[in-house]
Amino acid sequence: MEKEVFIWLGLLIVFLVVEIATVGLTSIWLAGGAVAALLFNIAGLDIWWQTGAFLAVSFLLLFFTRPFAVKYINSHHEKTNYEGIIGKVVRITETVNNRQETGTAVVNGMDWTARTEDDGEVLNPGDLAKVVNISGVKLIVKKYEEE
């Protein structure tokens, strides 16, 4: 048995282990290329053909199947609590003043520390604000303007 067989088998195992460990569709395409190279080796073709097959098959799999896999495999991604809050309109419960480091707002029944996007802006209790970002455990808000 030629030494290239062990190289392609070793690479195949490494790529599969990395894929199993990450589950991120990162190296499965290279594993396909290693299988093609292994088949070329078994067919008796030299290392240049094997390397060419590895590169070509890896590229083709990556180029043609990755967009499909990314679109359909993780298509049911649900927003976390963090992602779901951005864009929400909230009611201010304590004056939001960045300079005095005060302010709270209620989101989904929970009190959050709130700060304005613009340091000069002050929001009063009862005002509506839109969440534009989250920094640590603080909501970053701006005054909500009804359209």
N, C-alpha and C. Protein backbone atom coordinates (compact mmCIF):
# COMPACT_ATOMS: atom_id res chain seq x y z
N MET A 1 0.85 -1.18 0.00
CA MET A 1 0.00 0.00 0.00
C MET A 1 0.89 1.24 0.00
N GLU A 2 0.53 2.23 -0.78
CA GLU A 2 1.33 3.45 -0.89
C GLU A 2 1.10 4.34 0.32
N LYS A 3 2.10 5.19 0.59
CA LYS A 3 2.01 6.08 1.76
C LYS A 3 0.92 7.14 1.60
N GLU A 4 0.57 7.48 0.34
CA GLU A 4 -0.46 8.50 0.13
C GLU A 4 -1.82 8.07 0.69
N VAL A 5 -2.07 6.77 0.69
CA VAL A 5 -3.32 6.26 1.24
C VAL A 5 -3.46 6.68 2.69
N PHE A 6 -2.37 6.60 3.44
CA PHE A 6 -2.41 6.97 4.86
C PHE A 6 -2.57 8.48 5.02
N ILE A 7 -1.98 9.23 4.11
CA ILE A 7 -2.13 10.70 4.15
C ILE A 7 -3.60 11.07 3.95
N TRP A 8 -4.23 10.51 2.91
CA TRP A 8 -5.63 10.87 2.62
C TRP A 8 -6.57 10.34 3.70
N LEU A 9 -6.30 9.14 4.22
CA LEU A 9 -7.13 8.62 5.31
C LEU A 9 -6.97 9.49 6.56
N GLY A 10 -5.74 9.88 6.84
CA GLY A 10 -5.49 10.74 8.00
C GLY A 10 -6.19 12.08 7.86
N LEU A 11 -6.09 12.70 6.68
CA LEU A 11 -6.78 13.97 6.46
C LEU A 11 -8.29 13.81 6.56
N LEU A 12 -8.81 12.73 6.00
CA LEU A 12 -10.25 12.47 6.08
C LEU A 12 -10.69 12.38 7.54
N ILE A 13 -9.95 11.66 8.34
CA ILE A 13 -10.30 11.52 9.76
C ILE A 13 -10.21 12.86 10.48
N VAL A 14 -9.14 13.61 10.22
CA VAL A 14 -8.98 14.93 10.85
C VAL A 14 -10.14 15.85 10.48
N PHE A 15 -10.48 15.91 9.19
CA PHE A 15 -11.57 16.79 8.76
C PHE A 15 -12.91 16.37 9.36
N LEU A 16 -13.14 15.08 9.46
CA LEU A 16 -14.40 14.60 10.06
C LEU A 16 -14.45 14.89 11.56
N VAL A 17 -13.33 14.72 12.24
CA VAL A 17 -13.29 15.02 13.68
C VAL A 17 -13.53 16.51 13.92
N VAL A 18 -12.90 17.35 13.11
CA VAL A 18 -13.11 18.80 13.24
C VAL A 18 -14.58 19.14 12.98
N GLU A 19 -15.18 18.53 11.99
CA GLU A 19 -16.59 18.80 11.68
C GLU A 19 -17.49 18.35 12.81
N ILE A 20 -17.23 17.19 13.36
CA ILE A 20 -18.04 16.69 14.47
C ILE A 20 -17.88 17.59 15.70
N ALA A 21 -16.67 18.06 15.93
CA ALA A 21 -16.41 18.91 17.10
C ALA A 21 -17.04 20.29 16.96
N THR A 22 -17.05 20.84 15.75
CA THR A 22 -17.55 22.20 15.58
C THR A 22 -18.99 22.28 15.12
N VAL A 23 -19.46 21.28 14.40
CA VAL A 23 -20.80 21.25 13.83
C VAL A 23 -21.14 22.59 13.16
N GLY A 24 -20.19 23.12 12.42
CA GLY A 24 -20.40 24.41 11.80
C GLY A 24 -20.23 24.40 10.30
N LEU A 25 -20.28 23.24 9.69
CA LEU A 25 -20.06 23.10 8.25
C LEU A 25 -18.76 23.80 7.85
N THR A 26 -17.69 23.45 8.55
CA THR A 26 -16.41 24.08 8.27
C THR A 26 -15.46 23.19 7.48
N SER A 27 -15.44 21.92 7.75
CA SER A 27 -14.45 21.07 7.10
C SER A 27 -15.05 19.87 6.37
N ILE A 28 -16.35 19.77 6.33
CA ILE A 28 -16.97 18.63 5.65
C ILE A 28 -16.64 18.62 4.16
N TRP A 29 -16.47 19.83 3.61
CA TRP A 29 -16.16 19.95 2.19
C TRP A 29 -14.77 19.39 1.90
N LEU A 30 -13.85 19.61 2.81
CA LEU A 30 -12.49 19.09 2.65
C LEU A 30 -12.47 17.57 2.84
N ALA A 31 -13.34 17.06 3.69
CA ALA A 31 -13.44 15.61 3.86
C ALA A 31 -13.89 14.97 2.54
N GLY A 32 -14.80 15.61 1.84
CA GLY A 32 -15.23 15.10 0.53
C GLY A 32 -14.07 15.09 -0.46
N GLY A 33 -13.25 16.12 -0.43
CA GLY A 33 -12.07 16.15 -1.29
C GLY A 33 -11.08 15.06 -0.95
N ALA A 34 -10.93 14.78 0.35
CA ALA A 34 -10.02 13.70 0.77
C ALA A 34 -10.53 12.34 0.30
N VAL A 35 -11.84 12.14 0.30
CA VAL A 35 -12.41 10.89 -0.21
C VAL A 35 -12.11 10.75 -1.70
N ALA A 36 -12.27 11.83 -2.47
CA ALA A 36 -11.99 11.79 -3.91
C ALA A 36 -10.52 11.46 -4.14
N ALA A 37 -9.62 12.09 -3.38
CA ALA A 37 -8.19 11.83 -3.53
C ALA A 37 -7.87 10.38 -3.18
N LEU A 38 -8.52 9.87 -2.14
CA LEU A 38 -8.33 8.48 -1.74
C LEU A 38 -8.76 7.53 -2.86
N LEU A 39 -9.88 7.83 -3.50
CA LEU A 39 -10.35 7.01 -4.62
C LEU A 39 -9.38 7.07 -5.79
N PHE A 40 -8.82 8.23 -6.07
CA PHE A 40 -7.82 8.36 -7.14
C PHE A 40 -6.57 7.55 -6.79
N ASN A 41 -6.22 7.51 -5.52
CA ASN A 41 -5.07 6.72 -5.08
C ASN A 41 -5.33 5.24 -5.30
N ILE A 42 -6.52 4.80 -4.92
CA ILE A 42 -6.89 3.39 -5.08
C ILE A 42 -6.90 3.00 -6.55
N ALA A 43 -7.26 3.97 -7.42
CA ALA A 43 -7.28 3.73 -8.86
C ALA A 43 -5.88 3.69 -9.45
N GLY A 44 -4.88 4.04 -8.64
CA GLY A 44 -3.50 3.96 -9.10
C GLY A 44 -2.96 5.22 -9.73
N LEU A 45 -3.67 6.32 -9.64
CA LEU A 45 -3.19 7.58 -10.22
C LEU A 45 -2.15 8.21 -9.29
N ASP A 46 -1.23 8.99 -9.89
CA ASP A 46 -0.14 9.56 -9.09
C ASP A 46 -0.62 10.71 -8.19
N ILE A 47 0.31 11.20 -7.36
CA ILE A 47 -0.01 12.20 -6.33
C ILE A 47 -0.55 13.50 -6.92
N TRP A 48 -0.13 13.86 -8.13
CA TRP A 48 -0.62 15.10 -8.75
C TRP A 48 -2.11 14.99 -9.07
N TRP A 49 -2.53 13.84 -9.57
CA TRP A 49 -3.96 13.62 -9.84
C TRP A 49 -4.75 13.61 -8.53
N GLN A 50 -4.18 12.97 -7.51
CA GLN A 50 -4.85 12.90 -6.22
C GLN A 50 -5.03 14.30 -5.62
N THR A 51 -3.96 15.10 -5.66
CA THR A 51 -4.02 16.46 -5.12
C THR A 51 -5.01 17.30 -5.92
N GLY A 52 -4.98 17.16 -7.23
CA GLY A 52 -5.93 17.89 -8.08
C GLY A 52 -7.37 17.51 -7.76
N ALA A 53 -7.61 16.22 -7.55
CA ALA A 53 -8.96 15.76 -7.20
C ALA A 53 -9.38 16.32 -5.85
N PHE A 54 -8.45 16.32 -4.89
CA PHE A 54 -8.74 16.88 -3.56
C PHE A 54 -9.16 18.34 -3.68
N LEU A 55 -8.35 19.12 -4.39
CA LEU A 55 -8.64 20.56 -4.53
C LEU A 55 -9.94 20.81 -5.31
N ALA A 56 -10.11 20.10 -6.42
CA ALA A 56 -11.28 20.32 -7.27
C ALA A 56 -12.57 19.93 -6.55
N VAL A 57 -12.59 18.76 -5.95
CA VAL A 57 -13.81 18.30 -5.28
C VAL A 57 -14.11 19.16 -4.06
N SER A 58 -13.09 19.53 -3.30
CA SER A 58 -13.31 20.41 -2.14
C SER A 58 -13.92 21.73 -2.58
N PHE A 59 -13.36 22.33 -3.63
CA PHE A 59 -13.88 23.60 -4.13
C PHE A 59 -15.30 23.46 -4.65
N LEU A 60 -15.55 22.43 -5.45
CA LEU A 60 -16.90 22.24 -6.01
C LEU A 60 -17.94 22.02 -4.91
N LEU A 61 -17.61 21.20 -3.92
CA LEU A 61 -18.54 20.99 -2.81
C LEU A 61 -18.80 22.28 -2.05
N LEU A 62 -17.73 23.01 -1.78
CA LEU A 62 -17.86 24.28 -1.07
C LEU A 62 -18.69 25.27 -1.87
N PHE A 63 -18.41 25.38 -3.13
CA PHE A 63 -19.06 26.38 -3.97
C PHE A 63 -20.53 26.05 -4.23
N PHE A 64 -20.84 24.78 -4.49
CA PHE A 64 -22.20 24.43 -4.89
C PHE A 64 -23.11 23.98 -3.75
N THR A 65 -22.58 23.37 -2.71
CA THR A 65 -23.47 22.85 -1.68
C THR A 65 -23.51 23.69 -0.41
N ARG A 66 -22.47 24.47 -0.12
CA ARG A 66 -22.46 25.25 1.12
C ARG A 66 -23.61 26.25 1.20
N PRO A 67 -23.90 27.03 0.14
CA PRO A 67 -25.03 27.97 0.24
C PRO A 67 -26.35 27.26 0.54
N PHE A 68 -26.57 26.11 -0.08
CA PHE A 68 -27.78 25.33 0.18
C PHE A 68 -27.81 24.87 1.64
N ALA A 69 -26.68 24.33 2.11
CA ALA A 69 -26.62 23.81 3.48
C ALA A 69 -26.82 24.93 4.50
N VAL A 70 -26.18 26.06 4.30
CA VAL A 70 -26.31 27.17 5.24
C VAL A 70 -27.76 27.67 5.27
N LYS A 71 -28.39 27.72 4.11
CA LYS A 71 -29.76 28.23 4.03
C LYS A 71 -30.76 27.30 4.71
N TYR A 72 -30.61 26.00 4.52
CA TYR A 72 -31.63 25.08 5.01
C TYR A 72 -31.29 24.36 6.31
N ILE A 73 -30.04 24.21 6.65
CA ILE A 73 -29.70 23.47 7.86
C ILE A 73 -29.95 24.31 9.10
N ASN A 74 -29.57 25.58 9.09
CA ASN A 74 -29.78 26.44 10.25
C ASN A 74 -30.87 27.47 9.99
N SER A 75 -31.85 27.12 9.18
CA SER A 75 -32.88 28.09 8.81
C SER A 75 -33.88 28.35 9.93
N HIS A 76 -33.93 27.51 10.93
CA HIS A 76 -34.90 27.68 12.01
C HIS A 76 -34.25 28.28 13.25
N HIS A 77 -33.32 29.18 13.02
CA HIS A 77 -32.63 29.86 14.13
C HIS A 77 -33.64 30.74 14.87
N GLU A 78 -33.75 30.51 16.15
CA GLU A 78 -34.66 31.32 16.95
C GLU A 78 -33.87 32.40 17.66
N LYS A 79 -34.47 33.57 17.74
CA LYS A 79 -33.80 34.66 18.42
C LYS A 79 -33.71 34.38 19.91
N THR A 80 -32.60 34.77 20.50
CA THR A 80 -32.45 34.66 21.94
C THR A 80 -33.16 35.85 22.56
N ASN A 81 -33.27 35.86 23.90
CA ASN A 81 -33.89 36.99 24.58
C ASN A 81 -33.19 38.28 24.20
N TYR A 82 -31.90 38.22 24.12
CA TYR A 82 -31.09 39.39 23.79
C TYR A 82 -31.46 39.94 22.41
N GLU A 83 -31.48 39.06 21.40
CA GLU A 83 -31.77 39.50 20.04
C GLU A 83 -33.21 39.99 19.89
N GLY A 84 -34.12 39.39 20.64
CA GLY A 84 -35.53 39.75 20.52
C GLY A 84 -35.87 41.10 21.11
N ILE A 85 -35.01 41.64 21.96
CA ILE A 85 -35.30 42.92 22.61
C ILE A 85 -34.95 44.09 21.72
N ILE A 86 -33.90 43.96 20.92
CA ILE A 86 -33.49 45.05 20.04
C ILE A 86 -34.62 45.36 19.06
N GLY A 87 -34.98 46.64 19.00
CA GLY A 87 -36.06 47.08 18.12
C GLY A 87 -37.40 47.23 18.84
N LYS A 88 -37.50 46.71 20.06
CA LYS A 88 -38.75 46.82 20.82
C LYS A 88 -38.94 48.24 21.34
N VAL A 89 -40.19 48.62 21.48
CA VAL A 89 -40.53 49.90 22.11
C VAL A 89 -40.84 49.61 23.57
N VAL A 90 -40.17 50.35 24.46
CA VAL A 90 -40.31 50.11 25.90
C VAL A 90 -40.76 51.39 26.59
N ARG A 91 -41.31 51.21 27.79
CA ARG A 91 -41.73 52.36 28.60
C ARG A 91 -40.67 52.62 29.67
N ILE A 92 -40.26 53.87 29.76
CA ILE A 92 -39.26 54.28 30.73
C ILE A 92 -39.93 54.36 32.11
N THR A 93 -39.30 53.76 33.13
CA THR A 93 -39.88 53.77 34.48
C THR A 93 -39.11 54.67 35.44
N GLU A 94 -37.87 55.02 35.12
CA GLU A 94 -37.07 55.94 35.91
C GLU A 94 -36.30 56.81 34.93
N THR A 95 -36.16 58.09 35.24
CA THR A 95 -35.50 59.04 34.34
C THR A 95 -34.17 58.47 33.85
N VAL A 96 -34.03 58.49 32.52
CA VAL A 96 -32.80 58.01 31.90
C VAL A 96 -31.93 59.23 31.63
N ASN A 97 -30.80 59.29 32.34
CA ASN A 97 -29.87 60.40 32.21
C ASN A 97 -28.46 59.81 32.29
N ASN A 98 -27.77 59.80 31.17
CA ASN A 98 -26.44 59.18 31.12
C ASN A 98 -25.46 59.88 32.04
N ARG A 99 -25.54 61.19 32.12
CA ARG A 99 -24.57 61.93 32.94
C ARG A 99 -24.74 61.64 34.43
N GLN A 100 -25.98 61.39 34.85
CA GLN A 100 -26.23 61.05 36.25
C GLN A 100 -26.23 59.53 36.48
N GLU A 101 -26.08 58.79 35.40
CA GLU A 101 -26.07 57.33 35.44
C GLU A 101 -27.33 56.76 36.08
N THR A 102 -28.48 57.27 35.62
CA THR A 102 -29.77 56.78 36.11
C THR A 102 -30.61 56.31 34.93
N GLY A 103 -31.58 55.49 35.25
CA GLY A 103 -32.56 55.10 34.25
C GLY A 103 -32.88 53.63 34.24
N THR A 104 -34.19 53.35 34.13
CA THR A 104 -34.64 51.96 33.97
C THR A 104 -35.81 51.94 33.00
N ALA A 105 -36.00 50.77 32.45
CA ALA A 105 -37.13 50.53 31.56
C ALA A 105 -37.60 49.10 31.79
N VAL A 106 -38.85 48.85 31.47
CA VAL A 106 -39.40 47.50 31.65
C VAL A 106 -39.53 46.85 30.27
N VAL A 107 -38.97 45.64 30.17
CA VAL A 107 -39.06 44.86 28.94
C VAL A 107 -39.56 43.47 29.33
N ASN A 108 -40.67 43.07 28.76
CA ASN A 108 -41.24 41.75 29.03
C ASN A 108 -41.38 41.49 30.53
N GLY A 109 -41.79 42.52 31.26
CA GLY A 109 -42.03 42.38 32.68
C GLY A 109 -40.78 42.42 33.55
N MET A 110 -39.63 42.69 32.96
CA MET A 110 -38.38 42.73 33.73
C MET A 110 -37.78 44.12 33.66
N ASP A 111 -37.26 44.58 34.81
CA ASP A 111 -36.58 45.87 34.85
C ASP A 111 -35.18 45.74 34.27
N TRP A 112 -34.82 46.71 33.42
CA TRP A 112 -33.49 46.78 32.83
C TRP A 112 -32.91 48.16 33.10
N THR A 113 -31.62 48.22 33.32
CA THR A 113 -30.94 49.50 33.35
C THR A 113 -30.96 50.04 31.94
N ALA A 114 -31.25 51.34 31.80
CA ALA A 114 -31.34 51.93 30.47
C ALA A 114 -30.44 53.15 30.37
N ARG A 115 -29.84 53.32 29.20
CA ARG A 115 -29.04 54.49 28.87
C ARG A 115 -29.43 54.95 27.47
N THR A 116 -29.35 56.26 27.24
CA THR A 116 -29.70 56.78 25.92
C THR A 116 -28.52 56.64 24.97
N GLU A 117 -28.86 56.57 23.70
CA GLU A 117 -27.85 56.48 22.65
C GLU A 117 -27.03 57.77 22.60
N ASP A 118 -27.70 58.90 22.83
CA ASP A 118 -27.07 60.21 22.83
C ASP A 118 -26.94 60.68 24.28
N ASP A 119 -25.72 60.99 24.72
CA ASP A 119 -25.50 61.37 26.12
C ASP A 119 -26.30 62.59 26.55
N GLY A 120 -26.63 63.48 25.62
CA GLY A 120 -27.36 64.69 25.98
C GLY A 120 -28.86 64.50 26.10
N GLU A 121 -29.36 63.37 25.67
CA GLU A 121 -30.81 63.12 25.68
C GLU A 121 -31.24 62.60 27.06
N VAL A 122 -32.35 63.12 27.56
CA VAL A 122 -32.91 62.68 28.84
C VAL A 122 -34.33 62.20 28.57
N LEU A 123 -34.65 61.02 29.08
CA LEU A 123 -36.00 60.47 28.94
C LEU A 123 -36.63 60.40 30.33
N ASN A 124 -37.90 60.74 30.40
CA ASN A 124 -38.61 60.80 31.68
C ASN A 124 -39.53 59.59 31.85
N PRO A 125 -39.91 59.29 33.10
CA PRO A 125 -40.83 58.17 33.34
C PRO A 125 -42.11 58.35 32.51
N GLY A 126 -42.54 57.25 31.88
CA GLY A 126 -43.72 57.28 31.04
C GLY A 126 -43.40 57.47 29.57
N ASP A 127 -42.21 58.00 29.24
CA ASP A 127 -41.82 58.16 27.84
C ASP A 127 -41.65 56.79 27.19
N LEU A 128 -41.87 56.76 25.88
CA LEU A 128 -41.60 55.54 25.12
C LEU A 128 -40.24 55.67 24.46
N ALA A 129 -39.51 54.58 24.44
CA ALA A 129 -38.18 54.57 23.83
C ALA A 129 -38.03 53.29 23.04
N LYS A 130 -37.20 53.36 22.01
CA LYS A 130 -36.91 52.19 21.19
C LYS A 130 -35.53 51.68 21.55
N VAL A 131 -35.43 50.37 21.77
CA VAL A 131 -34.15 49.74 22.09
C VAL A 131 -33.34 49.62 20.80
N VAL A 132 -32.15 50.26 20.79
CA VAL A 132 -31.31 50.22 19.59
C VAL A 132 -30.12 49.29 19.75
N ASN A 133 -29.78 48.95 20.99
CA ASN A 133 -28.65 48.06 21.23
C ASN A 133 -28.70 47.59 22.69
N ILE A 134 -27.84 46.64 22.99
CA ILE A 134 -27.68 46.21 24.38
C ILE A 134 -26.18 46.19 24.64
N SER A 135 -25.78 46.81 25.72
CA SER A 135 -24.37 46.85 26.11
C SER A 135 -24.26 46.22 27.49
N GLY A 136 -23.74 45.02 27.53
CA GLY A 136 -23.69 44.27 28.79
C GLY A 136 -25.10 43.97 29.25
N VAL A 137 -25.50 44.57 30.39
CA VAL A 137 -26.85 44.37 30.90
C VAL A 137 -27.66 45.66 30.83
N LYS A 138 -27.23 46.58 29.97
CA LYS A 138 -27.92 47.86 29.83
C LYS A 138 -28.56 47.97 28.46
N LEU A 139 -29.80 48.45 28.47
CA LEU A 139 -30.47 48.77 27.21
C LEU A 139 -29.95 50.11 26.73
N ILE A 140 -29.65 50.21 25.46
CA ILE A 140 -29.31 51.49 24.84
C ILE A 140 -30.55 51.88 24.05
N VAL A 141 -31.14 53.04 24.43
CA VAL A 141 -32.43 53.42 23.86
C VAL A 141 -32.36 54.81 23.23
N LYS A 142 -33.36 55.09 22.42
CA LYS A 142 -33.54 56.45 21.90
C LYS A 142 -35.02 56.74 21.97
N LYS A 143 -35.37 58.01 22.08
CA LYS A 143 -36.78 58.42 22.19
C LYS A 143 -37.54 57.86 20.99
N TYR A 144 -38.69 57.29 21.30
CA TYR A 144 -39.53 56.70 20.25
C TYR A 144 -40.40 57.76 19.62
N GLU A 145 -40.27 57.89 18.34
CA GLU A 145 -41.10 58.83 17.57
C GLU A 145 -42.13 58.03 16.80
N GLU A 146 -43.41 58.21 17.10
CA GLU A 146 -44.45 57.48 16.38
C GLU A 146 -44.50 57.98 14.94
N GLU A 147 -44.62 57.04 14.03
CA GLU A 147 -44.62 57.38 12.60
C GLU A 147 -46.00 57.58 12.07
